[in-house]
C-alpha atoms as a PDB file:
ATOM      1  CA  MET A   1      -5.492 -28.483  16.664  1.00  0.00           C
ATOM      2  CA  VAL A   2      -3.310 -27.733  13.850  1.00  0.00           C
ATOM      3  CA  ILE A   3      -3.812 -24.232  13.113  1.00  0.00           C
ATOM      4  CA  ASP A   4      -3.232 -23.103   9.871  1.00  0.00           C
ATOM      5  CA  THR A   5      -0.847 -20.161  10.237  1.00  0.00           C
ATOM      6  CA  GLN A   6      -0.110 -19.249   6.521  1.00  0.00           C
ATOM      7  CA  PHE A   7      -4.023 -18.981   6.310  1.00  0.00           C
ATOM      8  CA  TYR A   8      -4.382 -16.234   8.759  1.00  0.00           C
ATOM      9  CA  MET A   9      -1.236 -14.239   7.784  1.00  0.00           C
ATOM     10  CA  LYS A  10      -2.721 -13.931   4.197  1.00  0.00           C
ATOM     11  CA  LEU A  11      -5.721 -12.784   5.531  1.00  0.00           C
ATOM     12  CA  ALA A  12      -3.328  -9.828   6.746  1.00  0.00           C
ATOM     13  CA  LEU A  13      -1.632  -9.957   3.747  1.00  0.00           C
ATOM     14  CA  ASP A  14      -4.857  -9.474   1.546  1.00  0.00           C
ATOM     15  CA  GLU A  15      -5.912  -6.282   3.673  1.00  0.00           C
ATOM     16  CA  ALA A  16      -2.319  -4.778   4.037  1.00  0.00           C
ATOM     17  CA  TRP A  17      -2.177  -4.795   0.008  1.00  0.00           C
ATOM     18  CA  LYS A  18      -5.476  -2.919  -0.271  1.00  0.00           C
ATOM     19  CA  TYR A  19      -3.481   0.301   1.185  1.00  0.00           C
ATOM     20  CA  GLN A  20      -0.040  -0.670  -1.357  1.00  0.00           C
ATOM     21  CA  GLY A  21       0.235   2.758  -2.678  1.00  0.00           C
ATOM     22  CA  LEU A  22      -1.572   4.742  -0.360  1.00  0.00           C
ATOM     23  CA  THR A  23       0.573   4.578   3.360  1.00  0.00           C
ATOM     24  CA  TYR A  24       3.604   6.631   1.715  1.00  0.00           C
ATOM     25  CA  PRO A  25       6.079   7.326   3.750  1.00  0.00           C
ATOM     26  CA  ASN A  26       5.304   4.751   5.651  1.00  0.00           C
ATOM     27  CA  PRO A  27       4.863   0.445   5.049  1.00  0.00           C
ATOM     28  CA  ALA A  28       1.543  -0.859   4.545  1.00  0.00           C
ATOM     29  CA  VAL A  29       1.159  -3.731   7.067  1.00  0.00           C
ATOM     30  CA  GLY A  30      -2.149  -6.143   7.904  1.00  0.00           C
ATOM     31  CA  CYS A  31      -2.709  -7.876  10.914  1.00  0.00           C
ATOM     32  CA  THR A  32      -4.896 -10.425  11.754  1.00  0.00           C
ATOM     33  CA  ILE A  33      -5.978 -11.555  15.376  1.00  0.00           C
ATOM     34  CA  LEU A  34      -7.931 -14.657  16.624  1.00  0.00           C
ATOM     35  CA  SER A  35      -9.434 -15.316  19.745  1.00  0.00           C
ATOM     36  CA  SER A  36      -8.347 -18.320  22.204  1.00  0.00           C
ATOM     37  CA  GLN A  37     -10.466 -20.395  20.289  1.00  0.00           C
ATOM     38  CA  ASN A  38      -9.658 -19.408  17.088  1.00  0.00           C
ATOM     39  CA  GLU A  39     -12.200 -17.483  15.662  1.00  0.00           C
ATOM     40  CA  ILE A  40     -11.047 -14.778  13.552  1.00  0.00           C
ATOM     41  CA  LEU A  41     -11.930 -11.332  15.537  1.00  0.00           C
ATOM     42  CA  SER A  42     -10.655  -8.636  13.090  1.00  0.00           C
ATOM     43  CA  VAL A  43      -8.710  -8.385  10.511  1.00  0.00           C
ATOM     44  CA  GLU A  44      -7.141  -4.485   9.714  1.00  0.00           C
ATOM     45  CA  ALA A  45      -4.207  -2.622   7.998  1.00  0.00           C
ATOM     46  CA  HIS A  46      -2.690   0.715   7.986  1.00  0.00           C
ATOM     47  CA  LYS A  47      -4.472   3.103   6.277  1.00  0.00           C
ATOM     48  CA  TYR A  48      -2.081   6.280   5.513  1.00  0.00           C
ATOM     49  CA  ALA A  49       0.832   7.926   7.341  1.00  0.00           C
ATOM     50  CA  GLY A  50       0.020   8.860  10.792  1.00  0.00           C
ATOM     51  CA  ALA A  51      -3.185   6.694  11.181  1.00  0.00           C
ATOM     52  CA  PRO A  52      -3.299   3.968  14.178  1.00  0.00           C
ATOM     53  CA  HIS A  53      -0.691   0.493  12.725  1.00  0.00           C
ATOM     54  CA  ALA A  54      -2.241  -2.415  11.292  1.00  0.00           C
ATOM     55  CA  GLU A  55      -2.033  -3.962  15.087  1.00  0.00           C
ATOM     56  CA  VAL A  56      -3.997  -1.159  17.214  1.00  0.00           C
ATOM     57  CA  GLU A  57      -6.388  -1.209  14.383  1.00  0.00           C
ATOM     58  CA  ALA A  58      -6.869  -4.625  14.972  1.00  0.00           C
ATOM     59  CA  LEU A  59      -6.958  -4.482  18.412  1.00  0.00           C
ATOM     60  CA  LYS A  60      -9.338  -1.872  18.325  1.00  0.00           C
ATOM     61  CA  SER A  61     -12.058  -4.058  15.798  1.00  0.00           C
ATOM     62  CA  ALA A  62     -11.039  -7.505  18.127  1.00  0.00           C
ATOM     63  CA  TYR A  63     -11.527  -5.060  21.582  1.00  0.00           C
ATOM     64  CA  PHE A  64     -15.382  -4.177  20.090  1.00  0.00           C
ATOM     65  CA  ARG A  65     -15.806  -8.391  19.278  1.00  0.00           C
ATOM     66  CA  LEU A  66     -14.838  -9.288  22.846  1.00  0.00           C
ATOM     67  CA  THR A  67     -15.982  -6.993  24.673  1.00  0.00           C
ATOM     68  CA  ASP A  68     -19.084  -4.970  23.175  1.00  0.00           C
ATOM     69  CA  ASP A  69     -17.916  -1.871  24.118  1.00  0.00           C
ATOM     70  CA  SER A  70     -18.651   0.333  21.365  1.00  0.00           C
ATOM     71  CA  LYS A  71     -17.043   3.859  23.471  1.00  0.00           C
ATOM     72  CA  ILE A  72     -13.910   2.552  21.062  1.00  0.00           C
ATOM     73  CA  LEU A  73     -15.008   2.792  18.141  1.00  0.00           C
ATOM     74  CA  GLU A  74     -15.287   6.579  18.645  1.00  0.00           C
ATOM     75  CA  LEU A  75     -11.669   6.373  19.063  1.00  0.00           C
ATOM     76  CA  HIS A  76      -9.203   7.004  15.994  1.00  0.00           C
ATOM     77  CA  GLU A  77      -6.053   8.317  17.016  1.00  0.00           C
ATOM     78  CA  SER A  78      -4.158   6.018  18.232  1.00  0.00           C
ATOM     79  CA  SER A  79      -2.857   7.593  21.332  1.00  0.00           C
ATOM     80  CA  GLN A  80      -5.733   7.227  22.708  1.00  0.00           C
ATOM     81  CA  ILE A  81      -7.007   3.773  21.379  1.00  0.00           C
ATOM     82  CA  HIS A  82      -3.546   2.874  23.273  1.00  0.00           C
ATOM     83  CA  THR A  83      -4.615   4.164  26.258  1.00  0.00           C
ATOM     84  CA  TYR A  84      -8.460   3.245  26.127  1.00  0.00           C
ATOM     85  CA  LEU A  85      -7.110  -0.578  25.577  1.00  0.00           C
ATOM     86  CA  LEU A  86      -4.896  -0.575  28.341  1.00  0.00           C
ATOM     87  CA  GLN A  87      -7.219   1.184  30.876  1.00  0.00           C
ATOM     88  CA  ASN A  88     -10.292  -0.799  29.417  1.00  0.00           C
ATOM     89  CA  HIS A  89      -9.043  -4.874  28.813  1.00  0.00           C
ATOM     90  CA  ASN A  90      -9.491  -6.516  31.735  1.00  0.00           C
ATOM     91  CA  ASN A  91      -7.921  -9.309  30.518  1.00  0.00           C
ATOM     92  CA  CYS A  92     -10.175  -9.554  27.724  1.00  0.00           C
ATOM     93  CA  PHE A  93      -7.183 -10.624  25.342  1.00  0.00           C
ATOM     94  CA  ASN A  94      -5.752 -13.745  27.433  1.00  0.00           C
ATOM     95  CA  GLY A  95      -5.296 -16.951  24.923  1.00  0.00           C
ATOM     96  CA  VAL A  96      -5.380 -14.445  21.790  1.00  0.00           C
ATOM     97  CA  SER A  97      -3.037 -14.319  19.176  1.00  0.00           C
ATOM     98  CA  LEU A  98      -2.278 -11.610  16.557  1.00  0.00           C
ATOM     99  CA  TYR A  99      -0.892 -12.339  13.052  1.00  0.00           C
ATOM    100  CA  THR A 100       1.341  -9.165  11.798  1.00  0.00           C
ATOM    101  CA  THR A 101       2.725  -8.707   8.388  1.00  0.00           C
ATOM    102  CA  LEU A 102       5.379  -6.747   9.887  1.00  0.00           C
ATOM    103  CA  GLU A 103       7.549  -6.733  13.096  1.00  0.00           C
ATOM    104  CA  PRO A 104       5.824  -4.074  15.225  1.00  0.00           C
ATOM    105  CA  CYS A 105       6.917  -1.319  15.984  1.00  0.00           C
ATOM    106  CA  SER A 106       9.309  -0.531  19.509  1.00  0.00           C
ATOM    107  CA  HIS A 107       9.795   3.019  18.971  1.00  0.00           C
ATOM    108  CA  ILE A 108       7.418   5.953  20.403  1.00  0.00           C
ATOM    109  CA  GLY A 109       6.838   8.276  17.303  1.00  0.00           C
ATOM    110  CA  LYS A 110       3.915   9.723  15.726  1.00  0.00           C
ATOM    111  CA  THR A 111       2.093   6.550  17.293  1.00  0.00           C
ATOM    112  CA  PRO A 112       2.951   4.831  20.506  1.00  0.00           C
ATOM    113  CA  SER A 113       4.973   1.458  20.456  1.00  0.00           C
ATOM    114  CA  CYS A 114       3.056  -0.946  19.161  1.00  0.00           C
ATOM    115  CA  ALA A 115       4.872  -3.800  20.830  1.00  0.00           C
ATOM    116  CA  SER A 116       4.787  -2.093  24.185  1.00  0.00           C
ATOM    117  CA  LEU A 117       0.866  -2.014  23.570  1.00  0.00           C
ATOM    118  CA  ILE A 118       0.777  -6.114  22.844  1.00  0.00           C
ATOM    119  CA  SER A 119       3.358  -6.921  25.313  1.00  0.00           C
ATOM    120  CA  LYS A 120       0.873  -5.295  28.299  1.00  0.00           C
ATOM    121  CA  LEU A 121      -2.335  -6.773  27.219  1.00  0.00           C
ATOM    122  CA  GLY A 122      -2.301 -10.820  27.640  1.00  0.00           C
ATOM    123  CA  ILE A 123      -1.833 -11.302  24.283  1.00  0.00           C
ATOM    124  CA  LYS A 124      -0.360 -15.038  24.281  1.00  0.00           C
ATOM    125  CA  LYS A 125       1.014 -15.546  20.569  1.00  0.00           C
ATOM    126  CA  LEU A 126       2.705 -13.300  18.260  1.00  0.00           C
ATOM    127  CA  PHE A 127       2.977 -14.600  14.111  1.00  0.00           C
ATOM    128  CA  ILE A 128       5.377 -12.337  12.866  1.00  0.00           C
ATOM    129  CA  GLY A 129       6.050 -12.043   8.557  1.00  0.00           C
ATOM    130  CA  SER A 130       9.036  -9.678   7.889  1.00  0.00           C
ATOM    131  CA  THR A 131      11.599  -8.367  10.503  1.00  0.00           C
ATOM    132  CA  ASP A 132      11.426  -4.545  10.843  1.00  0.00           C
ATOM    133  CA  SER A 133      14.902  -3.271   9.200  1.00  0.00           C
ATOM    134  CA  ASN A 134      14.612   0.294   9.872  1.00  0.00           C
ATOM    135  CA  PRO A 135      17.082   0.831  13.620  1.00  0.00           C
ATOM    136  CA  GLN A 136      14.266   3.313  14.728  1.00  0.00           C
ATOM    137  CA  ALA A 137      11.217   1.070  14.997  1.00  0.00           C
ATOM    138  CA  CYS A 138      12.868  -2.621  15.276  1.00  0.00           C
ATOM    139  CA  GLY A 139      13.159  -4.882  18.414  1.00  0.00           C
ATOM    140  CA  GLY A 140       9.363  -5.442  18.945  1.00  0.00           C
ATOM    141  CA  ALA A 141       9.505  -9.179  18.871  1.00  0.00           C
ATOM    142  CA  GLU A 142      11.959  -9.149  21.958  1.00  0.00           C
ATOM    143  CA  ILE A 143      10.220  -6.629  23.482  1.00  0.00           C
ATOM    144  CA  ALA A 144       6.567  -9.344  23.080  1.00  0.00           C
ATOM    145  CA  LYS A 145       9.317 -12.303  24.242  1.00  0.00           C
ATOM    146  CA  ASN A 146      10.352 -10.478  27.070  1.00  0.00           C
ATOM    147  CA  ALA A 147       6.697 -10.442  28.174  1.00  0.00           C
ATOM    148  CA  GLY A 148       6.046 -13.668  28.008  1.00  0.00           C
ATOM    149  CA  ILE A 149       4.519 -13.796  24.723  1.00  0.00           C
ATOM    150  CA  GLU A 150       5.485 -16.874  22.112  1.00  0.00           C
ATOM    151  CA  VAL A 151       6.895 -15.532  19.250  1.00  0.00           C
ATOM    152  CA  GLU A 152       7.038 -17.105  15.853  1.00  0.00           C
ATOM    153  CA  SER A 153       8.679 -15.403  12.969  1.00  0.00           C
ATOM    154  CA  ALA A 154       9.131 -15.496   9.389  1.00  0.00           C
ATOM    155  CA  VAL A 155       5.947 -16.483   8.668  1.00  0.00           C
ATOM    156  CA  MET A 156       5.285 -16.472   4.880  1.00  0.00           C
ATOM    157  CA  GLN A 157       8.353 -14.119   4.950  1.00  0.00           C
ATOM    158  CA  LYS A 158       8.778 -13.991   1.218  1.00  0.00           C
ATOM    159  CA  GLU A 159       5.571 -12.379   0.611  1.00  0.00           C
ATOM    160  CA  CYS A 160       5.326  -9.941   3.888  1.00  0.00           C
ATOM    161  CA  ASP A 161       9.165  -9.044   2.229  1.00  0.00           C
ATOM    162  CA  GLU A 162       7.342  -8.265  -0.931  1.00  0.00           C
ATOM    163  CA  LEU A 163       4.576  -6.169   1.028  1.00  0.00           C
ATOM    164  CA  LEU A 164       7.379  -4.408   2.451  1.00  0.00           C
ATOM    165  CA  LYS A 165       9.519  -3.725  -0.576  1.00  0.00           C
ATOM    166  CA  PRO A 166       8.534  -0.347  -1.558  1.00  0.00           C
ATOM    167  CA  PHE A 167       8.941   1.005   2.194  1.00  0.00           C
ATOM    168  CA  ASP A 168      12.392  -0.187   2.498  1.00  0.00           C
ATOM    169  CA  LEU A 169      13.165   1.304  -1.240  1.00  0.00           C
ATOM    170  CA  TRP A 170      12.315   4.578  -0.314  1.00  0.00           C
ATOM    171  CA  ARG A 171      13.911   4.825   2.435  1.00  0.00           C
ATOM    172  CA  GLU A 172      17.141   3.715   0.861  1.00  0.00           C
ATOM    173  CA  GLU A 173      16.732   5.652  -2.568  1.00  0.00           C
ATOM    174  CA  ARG A 174      13.329   5.525  -4.315  1.00  0.00           C
ATOM    175  CA  PHE A 175      10.105   3.433  -5.259  1.00  0.00           C
ATOM    176  CA  VAL A 176       8.612   3.446  -8.575  1.00  0.00           C
ATOM    177  CA  PHE A 177       5.579   1.935 -10.067  1.00  0.00           C
ATOM    178  CA  PHE A 178       4.256   1.850 -13.665  1.00  0.00           C
ATOM    179  CA  LYS A 179       0.138   2.192 -13.577  1.00  0.00           C
ATOM    180  CA  TRP A 180      -2.256   0.890 -16.115  1.00  0.00           C
ATOM    181  CA  ALA A 181      -5.791   0.393 -16.941  1.00  0.00           C
ATOM    182  CA  GLN A 182      -6.701  -1.963 -19.374  1.00  0.00           C
ATOM    183  CA  ARG A 183      -9.932  -3.562 -20.619  1.00  0.00           C
ATOM    184  CA  LEU A 184     -10.090  -7.640 -21.151  1.00  0.00           C
ATOM    185  CA  ASN A 185      -8.956  -7.816 -24.482  1.00  0.00           C
ATOM    186  CA  GLY A 186      -6.083  -5.677 -23.617  1.00  0.00           C
ATOM    187  CA  THR A 187      -7.079  -2.148 -25.328  1.00  0.00           C
ATOM    188  CA  ILE A 188      -5.731   0.965 -23.284  1.00  0.00           C
ATOM    189  CA  ASP A 189      -6.986   3.488 -25.324  1.00  0.00           C
ATOM    190  CA  GLY A 190     -10.412   5.159 -26.058  1.00  0.00           C
ATOM    191  CA  GLY A 191     -11.386   7.155 -22.775  1.00  0.00           C
ATOM    192  CA  LEU A 192     -12.284   5.871 -19.235  1.00  0.00           C
ATOM    193  CA  ILE A 193     -11.655   2.282 -18.868  1.00  0.00           C
ATOM    194  CA  SER A 194     -11.710   1.773 -14.749  1.00  0.00           C
ATOM    195  CA  SER A 195     -14.320   2.080 -12.466  1.00  0.00           C
ATOM    196  CA  LEU A 196     -15.027   5.458  -9.981  1.00  0.00           C
ATOM    197  CA  LYS A 197     -13.795   3.553  -6.927  1.00  0.00           C
ATOM    198  CA  SER A 198     -10.514   2.467  -8.860  1.00  0.00           C
ATOM    199  CA  ARG A 199      -9.975   5.938 -10.592  1.00  0.00           C
ATOM    200  CA  THR A 200     -10.290   7.169  -6.839  1.00  0.00           C
ATOM    201  CA  LEU A 201      -7.843   4.762  -5.417  1.00  0.00           C
ATOM    202  CA  VAL A 202      -5.731   5.830  -8.094  1.00  0.00           C
ATOM    203  CA  HIS A 203      -5.941   9.520  -7.187  1.00  0.00           C
ATOM    204  CA  ALA A 204      -5.071   8.754  -3.314  1.00  0.00           C
ATOM    205  CA  MET A 205      -1.867   7.305  -4.894  1.00  0.00           C
ATOM    206  CA  ARG A 206      -1.433  10.661  -6.266  1.00  0.00           C
ATOM    207  CA  ASP A 207      -1.623  12.395  -3.345  1.00  0.00           C
ATOM    208  CA  VAL A 208       1.023  10.909  -1.530  1.00  0.00           C
ATOM    209  CA  CYS A 209       3.550  10.614  -4.326  1.00  0.00           C
ATOM    210  CA  ASP A 210       6.156  12.882  -5.341  1.00  0.00           C
ATOM    211  CA  LEU A 211       6.211  12.562  -8.893  1.00  0.00           C
ATOM    212  CA  LEU A 212       3.789  11.390 -11.621  1.00  0.00           C
ATOM    213  CA  VAL A 213       6.066  10.297 -15.165  1.00  0.00           C
ATOM    214  CA  ILE A 214       4.178  10.531 -18.282  1.00  0.00           C
ATOM    215  CA  GLY A 215       4.703  10.660 -22.054  1.00  0.00           C
ATOM    216  CA  GLY A 216       4.294  13.524 -23.900  1.00  0.00           C
ATOM    217  CA  ASN A 217       2.292  11.536 -26.212  1.00  0.00           C
ATOM    218  CA  THR A 218      -0.186  10.956 -23.652  1.00  0.00           C
ATOM    219  CA  VAL A 219      -0.579  14.333 -22.799  1.00  0.00           C
ATOM    220  CA  ARG A 220      -1.221  15.248 -25.819  1.00  0.00           C
ATOM    221  CA  VAL A 221      -3.928  12.653 -27.263  1.00  0.00           C
ATOM    222  CA  ASP A 222      -6.033  12.616 -23.568  1.00  0.00           C
ATOM    223  CA  ARG A 223      -5.401  16.173 -22.502  1.00  0.00           C
ATOM    224  CA  PRO A 224      -5.359  15.317 -18.568  1.00  0.00           C
ATOM    225  CA  THR A 225      -5.623  16.884 -15.688  1.00  0.00           C
ATOM    226  CA  LEU A 226      -3.479  14.241 -13.531  1.00  0.00           C
ATOM    227  CA  ASP A 227      -4.129  15.498 -10.289  1.00  0.00           C
ATOM    228  CA  ALA A 228      -6.126  14.136  -7.305  1.00  0.00           C
ATOM    229  CA  ARG A 229      -9.917  16.066  -6.992  1.00  0.00           C
ATOM    230  CA  LEU A 230     -11.311  12.971  -6.209  1.00  0.00           C
ATOM    231  CA  VAL A 231     -10.015  12.549  -3.325  1.00  0.00           C
ATOM    232  CA  GLY A 232      -9.651  16.472  -3.021  1.00  0.00           C
ATOM    233  CA  GLY A 233      -5.752  15.688  -2.718  1.00  0.00           C
ATOM    234  CA  ARG A 234      -2.779  17.975  -3.477  1.00  0.00           C
ATOM    235  CA  ALA A 235      -1.237  17.400  -7.006  1.00  0.00           C
ATOM    236  CA  PRO A 236       2.370  15.948  -7.329  1.00  0.00           C
ATOM    237  CA  ASP A 237       4.840  17.268  -9.904  1.00  0.00           C
ATOM    238  CA  ILE A 238       4.512  16.219 -13.134  1.00  0.00           C
ATOM    239  CA  LEU A 239       7.480  14.853 -15.455  1.00  0.00           C
ATOM    240  CA  ILE A 240       6.261  14.791 -19.238  1.00  0.00           C
ATOM    241  CA  TYR A 241       8.713  12.463 -21.038  1.00  0.00           C
ATOM    242  CA  SER A 242       8.896  13.738 -24.806  1.00  0.00           C
ATOM    243  CA  ARG A 243      11.485  14.710 -27.044  1.00  0.00           C
ATOM    244  CA  THR A 244       9.614  17.829 -28.040  1.00  0.00           C
ATOM    245  CA  LYS A 245       9.134  20.313 -25.242  1.00  0.00           C
ATOM    246  CA  GLU A 246       6.428  22.279 -27.084  1.00  0.00           C
ATOM    247  CA  PHE A 247       3.044  21.547 -25.876  1.00  0.00           C
ATOM    248  CA  ASP A 248      -0.261  22.912 -25.478  1.00  0.00           C
ATOM    249  CA  LYS A 249      -0.687  24.984 -22.484  1.00  0.00           C
ATOM    250  CA  THR A 250      -4.266  24.767 -22.519  1.00  0.00           C
ATOM    251  CA  ILE A 251      -3.774  20.923 -21.376  1.00  0.00           C
ATOM    252  CA  PRO A 252      -5.433  21.195 -17.728  1.00  0.00           C
ATOM    253  CA  LEU A 253      -2.564  19.563 -16.147  1.00  0.00           C
ATOM    254  CA  PHE A 254      -0.479  23.004 -16.972  1.00  0.00           C
ATOM    255  CA  SER A 255      -3.160  24.872 -14.675  1.00  0.00           C
ATOM    256  CA  VAL A 256      -2.883  23.051 -11.599  1.00  0.00           C
ATOM    257  CA  GLU A 257      -1.655  25.116  -8.724  1.00  0.00           C
ATOM    258  CA  GLY A 258       1.080  24.051  -6.838  1.00  0.00           C
ATOM    259  CA  ARG A 259       2.979  22.105  -9.040  1.00  0.00           C
ATOM    260  CA  LYS A 260       6.058  21.620 -10.953  1.00  0.00           C
ATOM    261  CA  VAL A 261       6.021  20.425 -14.741  1.00  0.00           C
ATOM    262  CA  ILE A 262       8.458  19.338 -16.224  1.00  0.00           C
ATOM    263  CA  ILE A 263       9.027  18.426 -19.772  1.00  0.00           C
ATOM    264  CA  SER A 264      12.455  16.417 -20.334  1.00  0.00           C
ATOM    265  CA  ASP A 265      13.550  13.125 -22.591  1.00  0.00           C
ATOM    266  CA  ASP A 266      16.307  13.138 -19.353  1.00  0.00           C
ATOM    267  CA  LEU A 267      14.679  10.666 -16.618  1.00  0.00           C
ATOM    268  CA  SER A 268      17.789  11.708 -14.414  1.00  0.00           C
ATOM    269  CA  LEU A 269      15.372  13.982 -12.433  1.00  0.00           C
ATOM    270  CA  LEU A 270      13.655  10.267 -10.836  1.00  0.00           C
ATOM    271  CA  LYS A 271      16.987  10.246  -8.277  1.00  0.00           C
ATOM    272  CA  ASP A 272      14.974  13.464  -6.383  1.00  0.00           C
ATOM    273  CA  TYR A 273      12.255  12.163  -5.828  1.00  0.00           C
ATOM    274  CA  LYS A 274      11.208   9.004  -3.468  1.00  0.00           C
ATOM    275  CA  ASN A 275       7.507   7.773  -4.618  1.00  0.00           C
ATOM    276  CA  ILE A 276       7.078   7.231  -8.118  1.00  0.00           C
ATOM    277  CA  ILE A 277       4.239   6.935 -10.444  1.00  0.00           C
ATOM    278  CA  ILE A 278       4.864   6.235 -13.785  1.00  0.00           C
ATOM    279  CA  GLU A 279       1.766   6.577 -16.543  1.00  0.00           C
ATOM    280  CA  GLY A 280       1.055   5.500 -20.215  1.00  0.00           C
ATOM    281  CA  GLY A 281       0.741   3.961 -23.069  1.00  0.00           C
ATOM    282  CA  GLY A 282       3.227   0.997 -24.791  1.00  0.00           C
ATOM    283  CA  LYS A 283       6.052   3.103 -24.950  1.00  0.00           C
ATOM    284  CA  MET A 284       6.298   4.134 -21.356  1.00  0.00           C
ATOM    285  CA  PHE A 285       5.184   0.348 -20.326  1.00  0.00           C
ATOM    286  CA  GLU A 286       8.538  -0.217 -22.414  1.00  0.00           C
ATOM    287  CA  LEU A 287      10.651   2.441 -20.650  1.00  0.00           C
ATOM    288  CA  SER A 288       9.295   1.663 -16.883  1.00  0.00           C
ATOM    289  CA  MET A 289      10.848  -1.451 -17.570  1.00  0.00           C
ATOM    290  CA  GLN A 290      14.335   0.226 -16.705  1.00  0.00           C
ATOM    291  CA  PHE A 291      13.290   1.652 -13.273  1.00  0.00           C
ATOM    292  CA  ALA A 292       9.824   0.002 -12.426  1.00  0.00           C
ATOM    293  CA  ASP A 293      10.085  -1.857  -9.380  1.00  0.00           C
ATOM    294  CA  TYR A 294       5.980  -3.045  -9.100  1.00  0.00           C
ATOM    295  CA  HIS A 295       3.317  -2.702 -11.843  1.00  0.00           C
ATOM    296  CA  LEU A 296      -0.514  -2.137 -11.170  1.00  0.00           C
ATOM    297  CA  CYS A 297      -2.693  -2.928 -13.442  1.00  0.00           C
ATOM    298  CA  PHE A 298      -6.807  -2.199 -13.210  1.00  0.00           C
ATOM    299  CA  MET A 299      -8.883  -4.775 -15.166  1.00  0.00           C
ATOM    300  CA  SER A 300     -11.539  -3.314 -16.319  1.00  0.00           C
ATOM    301  CA  PRO A 301     -14.563  -6.201 -17.557  1.00  0.00           C
ATOM    302  CA  SER A 302     -15.314  -4.550 -20.610  1.00  0.00           C
ATOM    303  CA  THR A 303     -13.974  -4.742 -24.368  1.00  0.00           C
ATOM    304  CA  GLY A 304     -13.579  -2.159 -26.826  1.00  0.00           C
ATOM    305  CA  GLY A 305     -10.880   0.315 -27.999  1.00  0.00           C
ATOM    306  CA  ASP A 306      -7.903   0.029 -30.402  1.00  0.00           C
ATOM    307  CA  SER A 307      -4.276  -0.101 -28.774  1.00  0.00           C
ATOM    308  CA  ASN A 308      -2.549  -1.995 -26.377  1.00  0.00           C
ATOM    309  CA  PHE A 309       1.096  -3.560 -25.735  1.00  0.00           C
ATOM    310  CA  THR A 310       1.447  -6.124 -28.563  1.00  0.00           C
ATOM    311  CA  THR A 311       5.097  -5.181 -29.410  1.00  0.00           C
ATOM    312  CA  ILE A 312       6.120  -5.882 -26.186  1.00  0.00           C
ATOM    313  CA  ASN A 313       7.221  -9.111 -24.663  1.00  0.00           C
ATOM    314  CA  GLU A 314       7.610  -9.060 -20.900  1.00  0.00           C
ATOM    315  CA  LYS A 315       6.490 -11.438 -18.410  1.00  0.00           C
ATOM    316  CA  LEU A 316       5.348 -10.291 -14.959  1.00  0.00           C
ATOM    317  CA  GLU A 317       4.563 -12.227 -11.253  1.00  0.00           C
ATOM    318  CA  ILE A 318       1.457 -11.367 -10.216  1.00  0.00           C
ATOM    319  CA  LEU A 319       2.098  -9.995  -6.131  1.00  0.00           C
ATOM    320  CA  ASN A 320      -1.322  -9.748  -5.063  1.00  0.00           C
ATOM    321  CA  ILE A 321      -4.798  -9.544  -6.804  1.00  0.00           C
ATOM    322  CA  GLN A 322      -7.677  -7.693  -5.524  1.00  0.00           C
ATOM    323  CA  LYS A 323     -11.137  -7.240  -6.796  1.00  0.00           C
ATOM    324  CA  ASP A 324     -13.576  -4.010  -6.335  1.00  0.00           C
ATOM    325  CA  GLU A 325     -16.817  -3.819  -7.293  1.00  0.00           C
ATOM    326  CA  GLN A 326     -16.112  -4.092 -10.447  1.00  0.00           C
ATOM    327  CA  ASP A 327     -12.342  -3.873 -11.603  1.00  0.00           C
ATOM    328  CA  ILE A 328      -9.697  -6.466 -11.049  1.00  0.00           C
ATOM    329  CA  ILE A 329      -6.739  -4.599  -9.448  1.00  0.00           C
ATOM    330  CA  MET A 330      -3.356  -6.412  -9.790  1.00  0.00           C
ATOM    331  CA  TRP A 331       0.357  -6.145  -8.212  1.00  0.00           C
ATOM    332  CA  MET A 332       2.938  -7.332 -10.185  1.00  0.00           C
ATOM    333  CA  LYS A 333       6.969  -6.936 -10.406  1.00  0.00           C
ATOM    334  CA  GLN A 334       8.875  -8.637 -13.487  1.00  0.00           C
ATOM    335  CA  LYS A 335       9.790 -12.080 -13.401  1.00  0.00           C
ATOM    336  CA  GLY A 336      13.638 -12.428 -11.842  1.00  0.00           C
ATOM    337  CA  ASN A 337      13.055  -9.198  -9.784  1.00  0.00           C
ATOM    338  CA  ASN A 338      13.901  -9.672  -6.461  1.00  0.00           C
END
């Protein structure tokens, strides 16, 4: 029987993209596990820094599918799951195949080594997308090979590397993405556009970002708060890009405790931050082309409004498309931007 390795890696990729922007300072990673009969047992992802890695989440779900042992579902700490699987697997993973978008980690940090766990469970095959470039965590493939696991690397490597790129960028320097919401007719003005679920996702991204950049005109017109209240999170520092330094200080964003608000027509401050979101209208979209590594669009199935990006002529390449209960969510990059 011919196994479509790309299909199963694509499942892992799509799951991981749901959490892109939420895992800082960790990478977004997805994992698919197949039974010895090539039945899909689980598709999971790393959800936030400090949470179990994608492989551990997938092994946890797969173990429950294989054994019906619900006790493991009560465990949420990675070390607890590792220990439980090692003590109770009873060779249930024999013949199993595991697909992961990133080479399993070899080191012990906030979570135990995924490569070590995989090597002790009787897994038959390991399919890897991206090789881990982090010298502290790489080497997982070698650990698996030494345990007798068949390892195939570089499965959909280009797509997996694009998923991993934010991690590589903020580890080396910084990652910047421009985020906006629009309607079907391209308008970006006129009040709330995206769904509550989409807005909650954005608030979760703000919770882990270092800096949020926004145009002065957007601040004056929309009078935003730009916090992470929908997830009970922390508010990022704000850089208002504006030639005019005078603002109405009753605008809510100025009253959020624990944040720094900078007003400047100079974006050199970006160098002091690692994980940066740019929001705003057409002028900020155009300006972001100089800085943004990725673009994130929330498209609402609605029309209305008046303003759009009509003066801008840019071509973007879609990296991933998701759909929540209402909106289409697209991660993109500029054409030719590697």
